[in-house]
Every structure is written in C-alpha cells, then in structure tokens.
C-alpha atoms as a PDB file:
ATOM      1  CA  UNK A   1      51.627 133.699  60.774  1.00  0.00           C
ATOM      2  CA  UNK A   2      53.637 130.799  59.388  1.00  0.00           C
ATOM      3  CA  UNK A   3      53.353 127.352  60.882  1.00  0.00           C
ATOM      4  CA  UNK A   4      55.760 124.468  61.230  1.00  0.00           C
ATOM      5  CA  UNK A   5      54.739 120.944  60.288  1.00  0.00           C
ATOM      6  CA  UNK A   6      56.746 118.659  62.576  1.00  0.00           C
ATOM      7  CA  UNK A   7      56.835 114.921  61.841  1.00  0.00           C
ATOM      8  CA  UNK A   8      58.565 112.327  64.018  1.00  0.00           C
ATOM      9  CA  UNK A   9      60.707 110.107  61.779  1.00  0.00           C
ATOM     10  CA  UNK A  10      62.764 108.155  64.326  1.00  0.00           C
ATOM     11  CA  UNK A  11      61.946 106.346  67.555  1.00  0.00           C
ATOM     12  CA  UNK A  12      62.546 107.907  70.944  1.00  0.00           C
ATOM     13  CA  UNK A  13      63.613 104.553  72.415  1.00  0.00           C
ATOM     14  CA  UNK A  14      67.182 104.800  73.651  1.00  0.00           C
ATOM     15  CA  UNK A  15      67.328 108.600  73.520  1.00  0.00           C
ATOM     16  CA  UNK A  16      68.096 110.986  76.352  1.00  0.00           C
ATOM     17  CA  UNK A  17      65.380 111.844  78.850  1.00  0.00           C
ATOM     18  CA  UNK A  18      65.232 115.491  77.752  1.00  0.00           C
ATOM     19  CA  UNK A  19      64.736 114.415  74.110  1.00  0.00           C
ATOM     20  CA  UNK A  20      61.818 112.171  75.103  1.00  0.00           C
ATOM     21  CA  UNK A  21      60.310 115.011  77.143  1.00  0.00           C
ATOM     22  CA  UNK A  22      60.692 117.417  74.224  1.00  0.00           C
ATOM     23  CA  UNK A  23      58.880 115.053  71.861  1.00  0.00           C
ATOM     24  CA  UNK A  24      56.080 114.688  74.424  1.00  0.00           C
ATOM     25  CA  UNK A  25      55.860 118.478  74.791  1.00  0.00           C
ATOM     26  CA  UNK A  26      55.571 118.820  71.020  1.00  0.00           C
ATOM     27  CA  UNK A  27      52.720 116.291  71.070  1.00  0.00           C
ATOM     28  CA  UNK A  28      54.539 113.547  69.174  1.00  0.00           C
ATOM     29  CA  UNK A  29      53.787 110.042  70.428  1.00  0.00           C
ATOM     30  CA  UNK A  30      54.952 107.644  67.704  1.00  0.00           C
ATOM     31  CA  UNK A  31      56.785 107.489  64.389  1.00  0.00           C
ATOM     32  CA  UNK A  32      54.960 109.322  61.555  1.00  0.00           C
ATOM     33  CA  UNK A  33      52.931 111.463  63.988  1.00  0.00           C
ATOM     34  CA  UNK A  34      52.577 115.001  62.633  1.00  0.00           C
ATOM     35  CA  UNK A  35      51.674 118.207  64.456  1.00  0.00           C
ATOM     36  CA  UNK A  36      51.257 121.813  63.314  1.00  0.00           C
ATOM     37  CA  UNK A  37      52.880 124.400  65.565  1.00  0.00           C
ATOM     38  CA  UNK A  38      53.215 128.162  65.294  1.00  0.00           C
ATOM     39  CA  UNK A  39      56.615 129.327  64.080  1.00  0.00           C
ATOM     40  CA  UNK A  40      57.913 130.771  67.348  1.00  0.00           C
ATOM     41  CA  UNK A  41      61.414 130.853  68.855  1.00  0.00           C
ATOM     42  CA  UNK A  42      60.357 128.458  71.637  1.00  0.00           C
ATOM     43  CA  UNK A  43      59.110 125.854  69.166  1.00  0.00           C
ATOM     44  CA  UNK A  44      62.186 126.264  66.958  1.00  0.00           C
ATOM     45  CA  UNK A  45      64.385 125.628  69.999  1.00  0.00           C
ATOM     46  CA  UNK A  46      62.465 122.469  70.842  1.00  0.00           C
ATOM     47  CA  UNK A  47      62.754 121.263  67.246  1.00  0.00           C
ATOM     48  CA  UNK A  48      66.480 122.029  67.276  1.00  0.00           C
ATOM     49  CA  UNK A  49      66.897 119.844  70.364  1.00  0.00           C
ATOM     50  CA  UNK A  50      65.392 116.806  68.621  1.00  0.00           C
ATOM     51  CA  UNK A  51      66.381 117.637  65.040  1.00  0.00           C
ATOM     52  CA  UNK A  52      67.775 114.125  64.517  1.00  0.00           C
ATOM     53  CA  UNK A  53      64.373 112.589  65.378  1.00  0.00           C
ATOM     54  CA  UNK A  54      62.019 114.860  63.427  1.00  0.00           C
ATOM     55  CA  UNK A  55      61.429 116.360  59.983  1.00  0.00           C
ATOM     56  CA  UNK A  56      60.281 119.993  59.778  1.00  0.00           C
ATOM     57  CA  UNK A  57      58.474 121.805  56.968  1.00  0.00           C
ATOM     58  CA  UNK A  58      57.230 125.382  56.847  1.00  0.00           C
ATOM     59  CA  UNK A  59      53.542 125.759  55.969  1.00  0.00           C
ATOM     60  CA  UNK A  60      51.713 129.007  55.183  1.00  0.00           C
END
C-alpha cells in the first residue's frame, strides 16, 4: 500500500484550534517534522485541512 510523507513547513502559531489539533493528530510537533502515514481517506482529509501548513509526497 502507498504511503504519504507529510512534512510540516509552516508554524501552527496563530492558526485555528482545529488546525493545531489536526497537526497533533498527524504527529507533527515542529517545523520540518516528517511522518509517514498510510494513504487512507481519513489521512487525506486531515492533510487537506492543513494543506497550507504541510507538504505531502507519495512514497511507495
């Protein structure tokens, strides 16, 4: 199954509460943190919510 490499590129300071909670749920704590997540609809929805704060790459 494909995976998504999610990297936080912008700070969560000054963002909405639900955006901060989404970053925490993804496991991103600080700028340049990277996590690998399974490519699932739930994860894609979370990434879509914070798309302005993260960079996403597909990894095989």
